[in-house]
Structures are given as C-alpha cells and as structure tokens.
Amino acid sequence: MLDRFRQMRDKIHYNASVISDIKHGLQEGENNNGAYFCSYPGFVDCYHIVCRMSERSGQPAFLMLCTLVDSEDVPLTEEARLGNYMDKLKSAIRSALRRGDSFTRYGNNQFLVLLVGIKQENCAITQSRITNCFLSYGLRGKISVRYEIYPATEEEGTAGNLLFHQNNDWQNA
C-alpha cells in the first residue's frame, strides 16, 4: 500500500505559481499546538529528513514506540476498548510533546514518535509527561503505555542499543 501511495504521489504535479501562493498553501491549519500528527507515509519522510539533518548537525534524535498494554503488560488487542484508549493516547502525546516533535499511528495499539534535539537522559522525562497526561484521563491501573526508544541515527557503536523503560530504569539492551 505504501508503494502505491508513492506511485500516486509521484504523478501529482501542480501548476506554476508564485512563491507566496505556494508558501500560503503549505501553512498548517488552525490546530498547530503540541506535537505534529501525520500519516505514516508522511512520518517516514519526516524521519528520513531528520536523520539526514542529524547526521550533518550532530543534533540527537530518538524514535519512540508507544504500545498500549493491559495490567499484565500484554499488548491491548480488544477492538471495543482500543479506539477510545488510542484517542486518549493520541491526545496525551500531542499535548505532552513539543511542536518540533512528530508522531503517527503505527499499529492498532501503537504510536511512533520522533523526538528531535533531545538527550537520551531526557527521554525518561518525555515518557513521564506522556504517561501523566494519559493517566489524567482516569485510566490508572487499567491500561498503561510501554515505551521502547531507539536512536534515530545509526552512530558508530550504537546500532542495536534499544532502550526500554521498565520501573523507572533505563537500560541499554
């Protein structure tokens, strides 16, 4: 499906216009607070751009996978409950993160987040902000979020270092 999307995208062309009109057409809509939510294909493009920019500038970036899990840390799969919880998690991510961060829905119970310009030790703070916002919806004890974090760029010696947050301890895997 992603390949079909790219094929269609490559066939879209616009009429020549003045730069001010083009810029106006590129502006975000009214809801531009918090992290930027985009489609998965758009997120892939953002990820590629951020990785290229990070290689050049040295600015760190991390990819975070947020998975809804039940009280036994098993990924949530009940479709009846999932929609409402995913809406709440989407809202929590958008409001807890900065405008420069982007995120997308990845699976039925997952979101992918791209954190730009953040240090590894601050990933725990980011995770905590999302969790606190999510739990403010009254879900304490029923549903939680499991986080997996990985450096966005492959620096020498970091490939394979997956970071898990478990009981407030960050570990390199």
N, C-alpha and C. Protein backbone atom coordinates (compact mmCIF):
# COMPACT_ATOMS: atom_id res chain seq x y z
N MET A 1 0.82 -1.19 0.00
CA MET A 1 0.00 0.00 0.00
C MET A 1 0.87 1.26 0.00
N LEU A 2 1.98 1.19 0.75
CA LEU A 2 2.90 2.32 0.79
C LEU A 2 3.52 2.57 -0.57
N ASP A 3 3.86 1.51 -1.29
CA ASP A 3 4.39 1.66 -2.65
C ASP A 3 3.38 2.30 -3.57
N ARG A 4 2.11 1.90 -3.45
CA ARG A 4 1.05 2.50 -4.28
C ARG A 4 0.91 3.99 -3.98
N PHE A 5 0.99 4.34 -2.69
CA PHE A 5 0.91 5.74 -2.30
C PHE A 5 2.04 6.54 -2.95
N ARG A 6 3.26 6.00 -2.90
CA ARG A 6 4.40 6.70 -3.50
C ARG A 6 4.24 6.84 -5.01
N GLN A 7 3.71 5.82 -5.66
CA GLN A 7 3.48 5.91 -7.11
C GLN A 7 2.47 7.01 -7.42
N MET A 8 1.40 7.08 -6.64
CA MET A 8 0.40 8.14 -6.87
C MET A 8 0.99 9.51 -6.59
N ARG A 9 1.77 9.62 -5.51
CA ARG A 9 2.38 10.90 -5.13
C ARG A 9 3.30 11.40 -6.22
N ASP A 10 4.04 10.50 -6.86
CA ASP A 10 4.98 10.89 -7.90
C ASP A 10 4.29 11.39 -9.16
N LYS A 11 3.03 11.09 -9.31
CA LYS A 11 2.29 11.52 -10.50
C LYS A 11 1.55 12.85 -10.30
N ILE A 12 1.54 13.36 -9.07
CA ILE A 12 0.87 14.62 -8.79
C ILE A 12 1.81 15.78 -9.07
N HIS A 13 1.37 16.71 -9.88
CA HIS A 13 2.15 17.90 -10.21
C HIS A 13 1.22 19.11 -10.12
N TYR A 14 1.76 20.22 -9.77
CA TYR A 14 0.98 21.44 -9.61
C TYR A 14 1.35 22.43 -10.70
N ASN A 15 0.41 23.33 -10.97
CA ASN A 15 0.67 24.38 -11.95
C ASN A 15 1.66 25.39 -11.38
N ALA A 16 2.39 26.02 -12.28
CA ALA A 16 3.35 27.03 -11.86
C ALA A 16 2.63 28.13 -11.10
N SER A 17 3.25 28.61 -10.04
CA SER A 17 2.64 29.62 -9.20
C SER A 17 3.73 30.50 -8.62
N VAL A 18 3.34 31.58 -7.98
CA VAL A 18 4.32 32.45 -7.33
C VAL A 18 4.63 31.87 -5.94
N ILE A 19 5.81 32.13 -5.47
CA ILE A 19 6.28 31.54 -4.22
C ILE A 19 5.38 31.90 -3.04
N SER A 20 4.83 33.11 -3.01
CA SER A 20 3.98 33.50 -1.88
C SER A 20 2.71 32.64 -1.83
N ASP A 21 2.15 32.31 -3.00
CA ASP A 21 0.98 31.43 -3.04
C ASP A 21 1.33 30.01 -2.60
N ILE A 22 2.50 29.56 -3.01
CA ILE A 22 2.94 28.22 -2.61
C ILE A 22 3.13 28.17 -1.10
N LYS A 23 3.79 29.20 -0.55
CA LYS A 23 4.01 29.24 0.90
C LYS A 23 2.69 29.27 1.65
N HIS A 24 1.75 30.04 1.16
CA HIS A 24 0.43 30.11 1.80
C HIS A 24 -0.24 28.72 1.80
N GLY A 25 -0.11 28.00 0.72
CA GLY A 25 -0.71 26.67 0.63
C GLY A 25 -0.03 25.63 1.52
N LEU A 26 1.20 25.90 1.92
CA LEU A 26 1.95 24.98 2.78
C LEU A 26 1.70 25.20 4.27
N GLN A 27 1.04 26.31 4.62
CA GLN A 27 0.84 26.64 6.03
C GLN A 27 -0.05 25.60 6.72
N GLU A 28 0.23 25.38 8.00
CA GLU A 28 -0.58 24.46 8.81
C GLU A 28 -1.95 25.06 9.06
N GLY A 29 -2.87 24.19 9.42
CA GLY A 29 -4.21 24.64 9.78
C GLY A 29 -4.21 25.28 11.16
N GLU A 30 -5.39 25.46 11.71
CA GLU A 30 -5.53 26.15 12.99
C GLU A 30 -4.99 25.35 14.16
N ASN A 31 -5.17 24.02 14.17
CA ASN A 31 -4.74 23.19 15.31
C ASN A 31 -3.26 22.84 15.16
N ASN A 32 -2.39 23.79 15.55
CA ASN A 32 -0.96 23.55 15.40
C ASN A 32 -0.22 23.58 16.73
N ASN A 33 -0.94 23.29 17.82
CA ASN A 33 -0.31 23.21 19.14
C ASN A 33 0.17 21.80 19.40
N GLY A 34 1.23 21.67 20.18
CA GLY A 34 1.74 20.36 20.55
C GLY A 34 2.46 19.68 19.40
N ALA A 35 2.71 18.38 19.57
CA ALA A 35 3.43 17.61 18.57
C ALA A 35 2.64 17.51 17.28
N TYR A 36 3.33 17.31 16.19
CA TYR A 36 2.71 17.24 14.86
C TYR A 36 2.30 15.81 14.54
N PHE A 37 1.00 15.58 14.35
CA PHE A 37 0.49 14.27 13.97
C PHE A 37 0.42 14.21 12.45
N CYS A 38 0.94 13.13 11.87
CA CYS A 38 0.91 12.98 10.42
C CYS A 38 0.64 11.52 10.05
N SER A 39 0.33 11.30 8.78
CA SER A 39 0.10 9.95 8.28
C SER A 39 1.41 9.17 8.34
N TYR A 40 1.34 7.87 8.27
CA TYR A 40 2.56 7.06 8.31
C TYR A 40 3.49 7.40 7.15
N PRO A 41 3.00 7.51 5.90
CA PRO A 41 3.93 7.89 4.81
C PRO A 41 4.58 9.25 5.06
N GLY A 42 3.84 10.20 5.60
CA GLY A 42 4.41 11.50 5.93
C GLY A 42 5.45 11.39 7.04
N PHE A 43 5.19 10.52 8.01
CA PHE A 43 6.13 10.29 9.10
C PHE A 43 7.44 9.69 8.58
N VAL A 44 7.34 8.77 7.63
CA VAL A 44 8.54 8.16 7.03
C VAL A 44 9.39 9.25 6.40
N ASP A 45 8.76 10.18 5.68
CA ASP A 45 9.50 11.28 5.08
C ASP A 45 10.15 12.17 6.15
N CYS A 46 9.39 12.49 7.20
CA CYS A 46 9.95 13.29 8.30
C CYS A 46 11.15 12.59 8.92
N TYR A 47 11.03 11.30 9.13
CA TYR A 47 12.11 10.51 9.72
C TYR A 47 13.38 10.58 8.87
N HIS A 48 13.21 10.41 7.56
CA HIS A 48 14.37 10.47 6.66
C HIS A 48 15.04 11.83 6.71
N ILE A 49 14.24 12.88 6.71
CA ILE A 49 14.79 14.24 6.75
C ILE A 49 15.52 14.49 8.06
N VAL A 50 14.90 14.10 9.17
CA VAL A 50 15.52 14.31 10.48
C VAL A 50 16.83 13.55 10.59
N CYS A 51 16.86 12.31 10.11
CA CYS A 51 18.10 11.52 10.15
C CYS A 51 19.21 12.19 9.34
N ARG A 52 18.87 12.69 8.17
CA ARG A 52 19.86 13.38 7.34
C ARG A 52 20.36 14.65 8.03
N MET A 53 19.44 15.40 8.62
CA MET A 53 19.83 16.64 9.30
C MET A 53 20.67 16.33 10.54
N SER A 54 20.33 15.26 11.25
CA SER A 54 21.08 14.88 12.46
C SER A 54 22.50 14.46 12.12
N GLU A 55 22.66 13.76 11.01
CA GLU A 55 24.00 13.36 10.59
C GLU A 55 24.87 14.58 10.34
N ARG A 56 24.28 15.61 9.76
CA ARG A 56 25.04 16.82 9.43
C ARG A 56 25.27 17.70 10.66
N SER A 57 24.23 17.88 11.47
CA SER A 57 24.32 18.83 12.58
C SER A 57 24.78 18.20 13.90
N GLY A 58 24.65 16.88 14.01
CA GLY A 58 25.00 16.22 15.26
C GLY A 58 23.92 16.31 16.31
N GLN A 59 22.80 16.93 15.95
CA GLN A 59 21.69 17.05 16.89
C GLN A 59 21.05 15.67 17.09
N PRO A 60 20.91 15.22 18.34
CA PRO A 60 20.35 13.88 18.56
C PRO A 60 18.86 13.81 18.24
N ALA A 61 18.43 12.61 17.88
CA ALA A 61 17.02 12.33 17.63
C ALA A 61 16.75 10.88 18.04
N PHE A 62 15.56 10.65 18.56
CA PHE A 62 15.18 9.32 19.02
C PHE A 62 13.83 8.93 18.45
N LEU A 63 13.67 7.65 18.20
CA LEU A 63 12.41 7.08 17.75
C LEU A 63 11.81 6.35 18.94
N MET A 64 10.58 6.72 19.31
CA MET A 64 9.90 6.12 20.45
C MET A 64 8.67 5.36 19.97
N LEU A 65 8.52 4.13 20.42
CA LEU A 65 7.34 3.32 20.13
C LEU A 65 6.52 3.23 21.41
N CYS A 66 5.28 3.69 21.35
CA CYS A 66 4.37 3.67 22.49
C CYS A 66 3.31 2.60 22.22
N THR A 67 3.23 1.60 23.10
CA THR A 67 2.29 0.50 22.93
C THR A 67 1.36 0.44 24.13
N LEU A 68 0.06 0.40 23.88
CA LEU A 68 -0.91 0.24 24.96
C LEU A 68 -0.88 -1.20 25.45
N VAL A 69 -0.76 -1.37 26.76
CA VAL A 69 -0.72 -2.70 27.36
C VAL A 69 -1.71 -2.77 28.52
N ASP A 70 -2.13 -3.99 28.85
CA ASP A 70 -3.04 -4.18 29.97
C ASP A 70 -2.25 -4.23 31.28
N SER A 71 -2.93 -4.54 32.38
CA SER A 71 -2.28 -4.53 33.69
C SER A 71 -1.20 -5.60 33.83
N GLU A 72 -1.17 -6.58 32.91
CA GLU A 72 -0.14 -7.62 32.93
C GLU A 72 0.94 -7.39 31.87
N ASP A 73 1.00 -6.19 31.31
CA ASP A 73 1.99 -5.78 30.30
C ASP A 73 1.84 -6.55 28.98
N VAL A 74 0.62 -6.97 28.69
CA VAL A 74 0.31 -7.65 27.43
C VAL A 74 -0.31 -6.61 26.50
N PRO A 75 0.17 -6.50 25.26
CA PRO A 75 -0.40 -5.51 24.33
C PRO A 75 -1.92 -5.65 24.22
N LEU A 76 -2.59 -4.52 24.31
CA LEU A 76 -4.05 -4.48 24.25
C LEU A 76 -4.52 -4.76 22.83
N THR A 77 -5.49 -5.67 22.68
CA THR A 77 -5.99 -6.01 21.34
C THR A 77 -7.50 -5.93 21.23
N GLU A 78 -8.21 -5.69 22.33
CA GLU A 78 -9.67 -5.65 22.29
C GLU A 78 -10.14 -4.43 21.50
N GLU A 79 -10.67 -4.69 20.31
CA GLU A 79 -11.09 -3.59 19.43
C GLU A 79 -12.11 -2.67 20.08
N ALA A 80 -13.00 -3.22 20.89
CA ALA A 80 -14.06 -2.43 21.51
C ALA A 80 -13.48 -1.34 22.42
N ARG A 81 -12.45 -1.66 23.16
CA ARG A 81 -11.85 -0.70 24.09
C ARG A 81 -10.74 0.11 23.45
N LEU A 82 -10.13 -0.43 22.43
CA LEU A 82 -8.92 0.15 21.86
C LEU A 82 -9.13 1.55 21.27
N GLY A 83 -10.22 1.75 20.54
CA GLY A 83 -10.46 3.05 19.90
C GLY A 83 -10.44 4.20 20.87
N ASN A 84 -11.14 4.08 21.96
CA ASN A 84 -11.22 5.13 22.96
C ASN A 84 -9.86 5.37 23.61
N TYR A 85 -9.16 4.31 23.96
CA TYR A 85 -7.84 4.45 24.58
C TYR A 85 -6.83 5.06 23.63
N MET A 86 -6.89 4.68 22.35
CA MET A 86 -5.96 5.24 21.38
C MET A 86 -6.21 6.73 21.16
N ASP A 87 -7.47 7.14 21.19
CA ASP A 87 -7.79 8.57 21.09
C ASP A 87 -7.19 9.34 22.27
N LYS A 88 -7.29 8.76 23.45
CA LYS A 88 -6.73 9.40 24.64
C LYS A 88 -5.20 9.45 24.59
N LEU A 89 -4.58 8.36 24.10
CA LEU A 89 -3.13 8.35 23.98
C LEU A 89 -2.66 9.36 22.93
N LYS A 90 -3.39 9.45 21.83
CA LYS A 90 -3.04 10.44 20.79
C LYS A 90 -3.09 11.85 21.38
N SER A 91 -4.12 12.13 22.13
CA SER A 91 -4.26 13.45 22.75
C SER A 91 -3.14 13.70 23.76
N ALA A 92 -2.79 12.66 24.53
CA ALA A 92 -1.72 12.79 25.52
C ALA A 92 -0.37 13.07 24.85
N ILE A 93 -0.09 12.35 23.77
CA ILE A 93 1.17 12.56 23.05
C ILE A 93 1.22 13.95 22.47
N ARG A 94 0.15 14.36 21.81
CA ARG A 94 0.12 15.70 21.19
C ARG A 94 0.35 16.79 22.23
N SER A 95 -0.30 16.70 23.37
CA SER A 95 -0.19 17.78 24.34
C SER A 95 1.07 17.70 25.19
N ALA A 96 1.65 16.51 25.37
CA ALA A 96 2.83 16.36 26.23
C ALA A 96 4.14 16.69 25.51
N LEU A 97 4.14 16.64 24.17
CA LEU A 97 5.38 16.85 23.42
C LEU A 97 5.45 18.24 22.82
N ARG A 98 6.63 18.58 22.31
CA ARG A 98 6.87 19.90 21.73
C ARG A 98 6.38 19.97 20.29
N ARG A 99 6.21 21.16 19.81
CA ARG A 99 5.77 21.37 18.43
C ARG A 99 6.74 20.79 17.41
N GLY A 100 8.01 20.70 17.73
CA GLY A 100 9.01 20.19 16.81
C GLY A 100 9.05 18.67 16.72
N ASP A 101 8.29 17.99 17.58
CA ASP A 101 8.23 16.53 17.54
C ASP A 101 7.07 16.11 16.65
N SER A 102 7.20 14.94 16.03
CA SER A 102 6.12 14.44 15.19
C SER A 102 5.78 13.01 15.61
N PHE A 103 4.55 12.59 15.30
CA PHE A 103 4.13 11.24 15.64
C PHE A 103 3.07 10.75 14.67
N THR A 104 2.90 9.43 14.66
CA THR A 104 1.94 8.80 13.76
C THR A 104 1.39 7.56 14.43
N ARG A 105 0.25 7.13 13.96
CA ARG A 105 -0.29 5.85 14.43
C ARG A 105 0.41 4.76 13.64
N TYR A 106 0.92 3.75 14.35
CA TYR A 106 1.66 2.69 13.69
C TYR A 106 0.85 1.40 13.61
N GLY A 107 0.36 0.93 14.69
CA GLY A 107 -0.44 -0.29 14.71
C GLY A 107 -1.76 -0.03 15.39
N ASN A 108 -2.55 -1.07 15.57
CA ASN A 108 -3.84 -0.91 16.25
C ASN A 108 -3.67 -0.37 17.66
N ASN A 109 -2.54 -0.68 18.29
CA ASN A 109 -2.32 -0.28 19.68
C ASN A 109 -1.01 0.50 19.87
N GLN A 110 -0.51 1.12 18.80
CA GLN A 110 0.81 1.76 18.87
C GLN A 110 0.86 3.11 18.16
N PHE A 111 1.74 3.96 18.71
CA PHE A 111 2.12 5.21 18.06
C PHE A 111 3.64 5.25 17.96
N LEU A 112 4.14 5.82 16.89
CA LEU A 112 5.57 6.10 16.72
C LEU A 112 5.78 7.59 16.92
N VAL A 113 6.81 7.94 17.67
CA VAL A 113 7.11 9.33 17.97
C VAL A 113 8.55 9.60 17.56
N LEU A 114 8.78 10.74 16.92
CA LEU A 114 10.12 11.17 16.55
C LEU A 114 10.48 12.37 17.43
N LEU A 115 11.46 12.16 18.32
CA LEU A 115 11.90 13.18 19.25
C LEU A 115 13.19 13.79 18.74
N VAL A 116 13.18 15.09 18.49
CA VAL A 116 14.32 15.76 17.88
C VAL A 116 14.96 16.71 18.89
N GLY A 117 16.31 16.68 18.94
CA GLY A 117 17.03 17.61 19.80
C GLY A 117 16.91 17.28 21.28
N ILE A 118 16.79 16.01 21.60
CA ILE A 118 16.63 15.58 22.98
C ILE A 118 17.79 14.65 23.33
N LYS A 119 18.25 14.71 24.56
CA LYS A 119 19.31 13.84 25.01
C LYS A 119 18.70 12.54 25.55
N GLN A 120 19.49 11.48 25.54
CA GLN A 120 18.99 10.18 25.98
C GLN A 120 18.41 10.25 27.39
N GLU A 121 19.07 10.96 28.29
CA GLU A 121 18.59 11.02 29.67
C GLU A 121 17.26 11.76 29.80
N ASN A 122 16.93 12.60 28.82
CA ASN A 122 15.66 13.33 28.86
C ASN A 122 14.50 12.53 28.27
N CYS A 123 14.79 11.38 27.68
CA CYS A 123 13.72 10.53 27.16
C CYS A 123 12.80 10.06 28.28
N ALA A 124 13.35 9.83 29.47
CA ALA A 124 12.53 9.42 30.62
C ALA A 124 11.57 10.53 31.03
N ILE A 125 12.01 11.77 30.93
CA ILE A 125 11.13 12.91 31.26
C ILE A 125 10.00 12.99 30.25
N THR A 126 10.32 12.80 28.98
CA THR A 126 9.30 12.82 27.93
C THR A 126 8.29 11.71 28.15
N GLN A 127 8.78 10.51 28.42
CA GLN A 127 7.89 9.37 28.68
C GLN A 127 6.99 9.67 29.88
N SER A 128 7.54 10.25 30.91
CA SER A 128 6.77 10.57 32.11
C SER A 128 5.67 11.59 31.82
N ARG A 129 5.98 12.58 31.00
CA ARG A 129 4.95 13.59 30.64
C ARG A 129 3.80 12.94 29.88
N ILE A 130 4.12 12.04 28.94
CA ILE A 130 3.06 11.34 28.19
C ILE A 130 2.22 10.50 29.15
N THR A 131 2.90 9.73 30.00
CA THR A 131 2.19 8.85 30.94
C THR A 131 1.28 9.65 31.87
N ASN A 132 1.80 10.73 32.44
CA ASN A 132 0.98 11.55 33.35
C ASN A 132 -0.23 12.13 32.65
N CYS A 133 -0.05 12.59 31.44
CA CYS A 133 -1.17 13.14 30.67
C CYS A 133 -2.19 12.05 30.37
N PHE A 134 -1.71 10.88 29.97
CA PHE A 134 -2.59 9.75 29.65
C PHE A 134 -3.36 9.31 30.88
N LEU A 135 -2.68 9.21 32.02
CA LEU A 135 -3.35 8.76 33.25
C LEU A 135 -4.32 9.80 33.80
N SER A 136 -4.17 11.05 33.39
CA SER A 136 -5.10 12.09 33.85
C SER A 136 -6.51 11.86 33.34
N TYR A 137 -6.66 10.95 32.37
CA TYR A 137 -7.99 10.62 31.85
C TYR A 137 -8.69 9.57 32.72
N GLY A 138 -8.11 9.22 33.89
CA GLY A 138 -8.74 8.29 34.82
C GLY A 138 -8.52 6.83 34.47
N LEU A 139 -7.42 6.49 33.85
CA LEU A 139 -7.17 5.12 33.40
C LEU A 139 -6.20 4.37 34.32
N ARG A 140 -5.86 4.95 35.44
CA ARG A 140 -4.86 4.37 36.35
C ARG A 140 -5.23 2.93 36.73
N GLY A 141 -4.28 2.01 36.52
CA GLY A 141 -4.47 0.62 36.90
C GLY A 141 -5.10 -0.26 35.84
N LYS A 142 -5.79 0.34 34.89
CA LYS A 142 -6.47 -0.45 33.85
C LYS A 142 -5.58 -0.67 32.64
N ILE A 143 -5.04 0.40 32.13
CA ILE A 143 -4.25 0.40 30.91
C ILE A 143 -2.99 1.22 31.16
N SER A 144 -1.89 0.80 30.58
CA SER A 144 -0.67 1.61 30.67
C SER A 144 0.01 1.62 29.30
N VAL A 145 1.08 2.37 29.24
CA VAL A 145 1.82 2.52 27.99
C VAL A 145 3.22 1.97 28.19
N ARG A 146 3.64 1.10 27.28
CA ARG A 146 5.01 0.59 27.28
C ARG A 146 5.79 1.38 26.24
N TYR A 147 7.00 1.79 26.60
CA TYR A 147 7.83 2.61 25.72
C TYR A 147 9.09 1.86 25.32
N GLU A 148 9.45 1.97 24.05
CA GLU A 148 10.72 1.49 23.55
C GLU A 148 11.33 2.65 22.78
N ILE A 149 12.60 2.90 23.05
CA ILE A 149 13.26 4.06 22.44
C ILE A 149 14.56 3.61 21.79
N TYR A 150 14.82 4.16 20.61
CA TYR A 150 15.98 3.78 19.82
C TYR A 150 16.55 5.04 19.19
N PRO A 151 17.86 5.20 19.17
CA PRO A 151 18.44 6.37 18.48
C PRO A 151 18.01 6.39 17.01
N ALA A 152 17.60 7.54 16.53
CA ALA A 152 17.13 7.64 15.14
C ALA A 152 18.26 7.47 14.14
N THR A 153 19.42 7.99 14.48
CA THR A 153 20.56 7.87 13.56
C THR A 153 21.47 6.76 14.05
N GLU A 154 22.07 6.09 13.09
CA GLU A 154 22.98 4.99 13.39
C GLU A 154 24.38 5.53 13.55
N GLU A 155 24.73 5.89 14.78
CA GLU A 155 26.09 6.34 15.03
C GLU A 155 26.97 5.13 15.26
N GLU A 156 28.25 5.32 15.06
CA GLU A 156 29.21 4.24 15.24
C GLU A 156 29.08 3.67 16.65
N GLY A 157 28.84 2.36 16.74
CA GLY A 157 28.78 1.67 18.02
C GLY A 157 27.43 1.70 18.71
N THR A 158 26.41 2.37 18.12
CA THR A 158 25.11 2.42 18.79
C THR A 158 24.09 1.49 18.17
N ALA A 159 24.37 0.93 17.03
CA ALA A 159 23.40 0.04 16.40
C ALA A 159 23.07 -1.11 17.33
N GLY A 160 21.80 -1.35 17.51
CA GLY A 160 21.35 -2.44 18.36
C GLY A 160 21.12 -2.04 19.80
N ASN A 161 21.40 -0.78 20.18
CA ASN A 161 21.16 -0.35 21.55
C ASN A 161 19.72 0.11 21.69
N LEU A 162 18.85 -0.80 22.04
CA LEU A 162 17.44 -0.50 22.25
C LEU A 162 17.23 -0.16 23.70
N LEU A 163 16.52 0.90 23.98
CA LEU A 163 16.30 1.35 25.34
C LEU A 163 14.88 1.03 25.77
N PHE A 164 14.73 0.41 26.91
CA PHE A 164 13.42 0.09 27.44
C PHE A 164 13.21 0.86 28.73
N HIS A 165 12.00 1.27 28.97
CA HIS A 165 11.68 1.89 30.24
C HIS A 165 10.84 0.90 31.01
N GLN A 166 11.37 0.46 32.12
CA GLN A 166 10.69 -0.52 32.95
C GLN A 166 10.95 -0.12 34.40
N ASN A 167 9.94 0.15 35.16
CA ASN A 167 10.08 0.52 36.57
C ASN A 167 11.05 1.68 36.78
N ASN A 168 10.94 2.67 35.93
CA ASN A 168 11.75 3.89 36.01
C ASN A 168 13.25 3.67 35.82
N ASP A 169 13.66 2.56 35.25
CA ASP A 169 15.07 2.31 34.97
C ASP A 169 15.27 2.23 33.47
N TRP A 170 16.22 3.00 32.96
CA TRP A 170 16.58 2.93 31.54
C TRP A 170 17.72 1.96 31.40
N GLN A 171 17.64 1.10 30.40
CA GLN A 171 18.69 0.12 30.20
C GLN A 171 19.06 0.06 28.73
N ASN A 172 20.33 -0.16 28.45
CA ASN A 172 20.77 -0.44 27.09
C ASN A 172 20.66 -1.93 26.88
N ALA A 173 20.00 -2.33 25.82
CA ALA A 173 19.84 -3.76 25.55
C ALA A 173 20.97 -4.26 24.70
